[in-house]
N, C-alpha and C. Protein backbone atom coordinates (compact mmCIF):
# COMPACT_ATOMS: atom_id res chain seq x y z
N UNK A 1 -166.87 -15.16 78.05
CA UNK A 1 -167.84 -14.79 79.07
C UNK A 1 -167.56 -13.36 79.65
N UNK A 2 -168.50 -12.54 79.81
CA UNK A 2 -168.37 -11.18 80.21
C UNK A 2 -168.09 -11.22 81.77
N UNK A 3 -167.22 -10.36 82.24
CA UNK A 3 -166.97 -10.21 83.69
C UNK A 3 -167.98 -9.29 84.23
N UNK A 4 -168.02 -9.17 85.49
CA UNK A 4 -168.96 -8.28 86.23
C UNK A 4 -168.59 -6.77 85.83
N UNK A 5 -167.25 -6.57 85.70
CA UNK A 5 -166.75 -5.18 85.32
C UNK A 5 -167.17 -4.83 83.89
N UNK A 6 -167.11 -5.87 82.99
CA UNK A 6 -167.51 -5.60 81.59
C UNK A 6 -168.91 -5.35 81.45
N UNK A 7 -169.73 -6.02 82.26
CA UNK A 7 -171.24 -5.78 82.28
C UNK A 7 -171.52 -4.43 82.81
N UNK A 8 -170.77 -3.93 83.75
CA UNK A 8 -171.03 -2.54 84.32
C UNK A 8 -170.57 -1.52 83.25
N UNK A 9 -169.42 -1.72 82.64
CA UNK A 9 -168.99 -0.81 81.68
C UNK A 9 -169.99 -0.75 80.47
N UNK A 10 -170.56 -1.90 80.09
CA UNK A 10 -171.44 -1.85 78.95
C UNK A 10 -172.89 -1.44 79.35
N UNK A 11 -173.19 -1.12 80.60
CA UNK A 11 -174.46 -0.73 81.07
C UNK A 11 -175.44 -1.75 81.29
N UNK A 12 -175.06 -3.01 81.27
CA UNK A 12 -175.95 -4.16 81.57
C UNK A 12 -176.23 -4.15 83.06
N UNK A 13 -175.38 -3.74 83.93
CA UNK A 13 -175.53 -3.65 85.34
C UNK A 13 -175.37 -2.21 85.69
N UNK A 14 -176.28 -1.61 86.49
CA UNK A 14 -176.12 -0.20 86.80
C UNK A 14 -174.87 0.16 87.64
N UNK A 15 -174.30 1.29 87.38
CA UNK A 15 -173.16 1.74 88.16
C UNK A 15 -173.18 3.31 88.20
N UNK A 16 -172.57 3.79 89.25
CA UNK A 16 -172.46 5.29 89.37
C UNK A 16 -171.05 5.63 88.99
N UNK A 17 -170.93 6.09 87.76
CA UNK A 17 -169.69 6.42 87.16
C UNK A 17 -169.13 7.81 87.65
N UNK A 18 -167.88 7.78 87.89
CA UNK A 18 -167.17 8.96 88.36
C UNK A 18 -166.31 9.49 87.31
N UNK A 19 -165.79 8.67 86.45
CA UNK A 19 -164.99 9.03 85.27
C UNK A 19 -165.09 7.99 84.17
N UNK A 20 -165.08 8.41 82.94
CA UNK A 20 -165.02 7.56 81.75
C UNK A 20 -164.24 8.16 80.67
N UNK A 21 -163.30 7.48 80.07
CA UNK A 21 -162.67 7.86 78.84
C UNK A 21 -162.41 6.59 77.91
N UNK A 22 -161.68 6.75 76.92
CA UNK A 22 -161.48 5.60 75.98
C UNK A 22 -160.53 4.43 76.62
N UNK A 23 -159.87 4.80 77.77
CA UNK A 23 -159.02 3.72 78.30
C UNK A 23 -159.56 3.07 79.54
N UNK A 24 -160.27 3.85 80.42
CA UNK A 24 -160.69 3.25 81.62
C UNK A 24 -161.91 3.91 82.15
N UNK A 25 -162.60 3.33 83.14
CA UNK A 25 -163.75 3.96 83.78
C UNK A 25 -163.57 3.82 85.29
N UNK A 26 -164.18 4.69 86.02
CA UNK A 26 -164.16 4.68 87.49
C UNK A 26 -165.63 4.75 87.96
N UNK A 27 -166.00 3.88 88.84
CA UNK A 27 -167.37 4.00 89.37
C UNK A 27 -167.30 3.61 90.89
N UNK A 28 -168.42 4.06 91.55
CA UNK A 28 -168.39 3.91 93.02
C UNK A 28 -168.68 2.46 93.35
N UNK A 29 -168.03 2.00 94.46
CA UNK A 29 -168.16 0.64 94.93
C UNK A 29 -169.55 0.40 95.50
N UNK A 30 -170.16 -0.77 95.30
CA UNK A 30 -171.44 -1.09 95.92
C UNK A 30 -171.22 -1.50 97.38
N UNK A 31 -170.01 -1.80 97.83
CA UNK A 31 -169.61 -2.13 99.19
C UNK A 31 -168.43 -1.24 99.58
N UNK A 32 -168.65 0.12 99.76
CA UNK A 32 -167.49 0.96 100.03
C UNK A 32 -166.92 0.77 101.40
N UNK A 33 -165.58 0.89 101.39
CA UNK A 33 -164.81 0.85 102.66
C UNK A 33 -164.75 2.19 103.30
N UNK A 34 -165.04 3.29 102.49
CA UNK A 34 -165.05 4.59 103.00
C UNK A 34 -165.96 5.42 101.98
N UNK A 35 -166.49 6.51 102.44
CA UNK A 35 -167.33 7.36 101.51
C UNK A 35 -166.46 7.73 100.25
N UNK A 36 -167.07 7.59 99.08
CA UNK A 36 -166.36 7.85 97.83
C UNK A 36 -165.47 6.83 97.32
N UNK A 37 -165.48 5.57 97.94
CA UNK A 37 -164.69 4.53 97.49
C UNK A 37 -165.09 4.14 96.01
N UNK A 38 -164.09 4.26 95.15
CA UNK A 38 -164.36 4.03 93.67
C UNK A 38 -163.33 2.99 93.18
N UNK A 39 -163.82 2.23 92.15
CA UNK A 39 -162.90 1.35 91.45
C UNK A 39 -162.56 1.86 90.12
N UNK A 40 -161.34 1.76 89.77
CA UNK A 40 -160.82 2.12 88.45
C UNK A 40 -160.58 0.86 87.61
N UNK A 41 -161.19 0.76 86.56
CA UNK A 41 -161.14 -0.48 85.82
C UNK A 41 -160.75 -0.20 84.29
N UNK A 42 -159.77 -0.85 83.68
CA UNK A 42 -159.40 -0.60 82.33
C UNK A 42 -160.48 -1.22 81.40
N UNK A 43 -160.70 -0.55 80.37
CA UNK A 43 -161.65 -0.97 79.35
C UNK A 43 -161.17 -2.15 78.55
N UNK A 44 -159.91 -2.13 78.19
CA UNK A 44 -159.35 -3.24 77.43
C UNK A 44 -159.19 -4.55 78.35
N UNK A 45 -159.40 -5.67 77.82
CA UNK A 45 -159.38 -6.85 78.60
C UNK A 45 -157.98 -7.35 78.75
N UNK A 46 -157.66 -7.99 79.83
CA UNK A 46 -156.43 -8.68 80.17
C UNK A 46 -156.49 -10.16 79.67
N UNK A 47 -155.30 -10.77 79.43
CA UNK A 47 -155.30 -12.13 79.09
C UNK A 47 -154.48 -12.88 80.28
N UNK A 48 -154.72 -14.07 80.43
CA UNK A 48 -154.10 -14.87 81.42
C UNK A 48 -152.66 -15.19 80.99
N UNK A 49 -151.73 -14.49 81.56
CA UNK A 49 -150.32 -14.55 81.14
C UNK A 49 -149.84 -16.01 81.32
N UNK A 50 -150.24 -16.66 82.31
CA UNK A 50 -149.68 -18.03 82.54
C UNK A 50 -150.05 -19.02 81.45
N UNK A 51 -151.20 -18.83 80.83
CA UNK A 51 -151.55 -19.71 79.69
C UNK A 51 -150.75 -19.39 78.37
N UNK A 52 -150.05 -18.27 78.43
CA UNK A 52 -149.30 -17.95 77.21
C UNK A 52 -147.86 -18.02 77.44
N UNK A 53 -147.42 -18.57 78.59
CA UNK A 53 -145.92 -18.78 78.85
C UNK A 53 -145.23 -17.53 79.27
N UNK A 54 -146.05 -16.54 79.65
CA UNK A 54 -145.41 -15.23 80.09
C UNK A 54 -145.23 -15.29 81.63
N UNK A 55 -144.58 -14.28 82.24
CA UNK A 55 -144.30 -14.24 83.63
C UNK A 55 -145.70 -14.20 84.32
N UNK A 56 -145.81 -14.74 85.51
CA UNK A 56 -147.03 -14.87 86.29
C UNK A 56 -147.55 -13.58 86.81
N UNK A 57 -148.03 -12.69 85.89
CA UNK A 57 -148.69 -11.43 86.17
C UNK A 57 -149.56 -11.04 85.01
N UNK A 58 -150.38 -10.09 85.21
CA UNK A 58 -151.32 -9.75 84.10
C UNK A 58 -150.52 -9.18 82.89
N UNK A 59 -151.03 -9.44 81.78
CA UNK A 59 -150.46 -8.93 80.54
C UNK A 59 -151.48 -8.02 79.87
N UNK A 60 -151.04 -6.81 79.47
CA UNK A 60 -151.91 -5.81 78.93
C UNK A 60 -152.20 -6.09 77.41
N UNK A 61 -153.41 -6.14 76.94
CA UNK A 61 -153.66 -6.42 75.63
C UNK A 61 -153.81 -5.22 74.75
N UNK A 62 -153.86 -4.10 75.31
CA UNK A 62 -153.91 -2.81 74.55
C UNK A 62 -152.81 -1.91 74.90
N UNK A 63 -152.76 -0.77 74.28
CA UNK A 63 -151.75 0.18 74.59
C UNK A 63 -152.21 1.19 75.65
N UNK A 64 -151.30 1.93 76.23
CA UNK A 64 -151.66 2.99 77.18
C UNK A 64 -152.12 2.37 78.52
N UNK A 65 -152.86 3.08 79.27
CA UNK A 65 -153.42 2.71 80.49
C UNK A 65 -154.18 3.86 81.14
N UNK A 66 -154.71 3.70 82.30
CA UNK A 66 -155.43 4.77 82.96
C UNK A 66 -154.42 5.74 83.46
N UNK A 67 -154.79 6.91 83.29
CA UNK A 67 -153.92 8.08 83.78
C UNK A 67 -154.70 8.85 84.90
């Protein structure tokens, strides 16, 4: 099932993008706490670490990260 962020990244839901590269995107919040409030979201998906016996935190499924 696609998340709200995946749907924005794929263009299924409109977003005002500030940055986009092969690793992450940044777009303006629809409920900003301040002018210019943006969200930075990795393009690669995360897995539920708890279901894989890993420490209770997010596990990265791809290499690199947002810079």
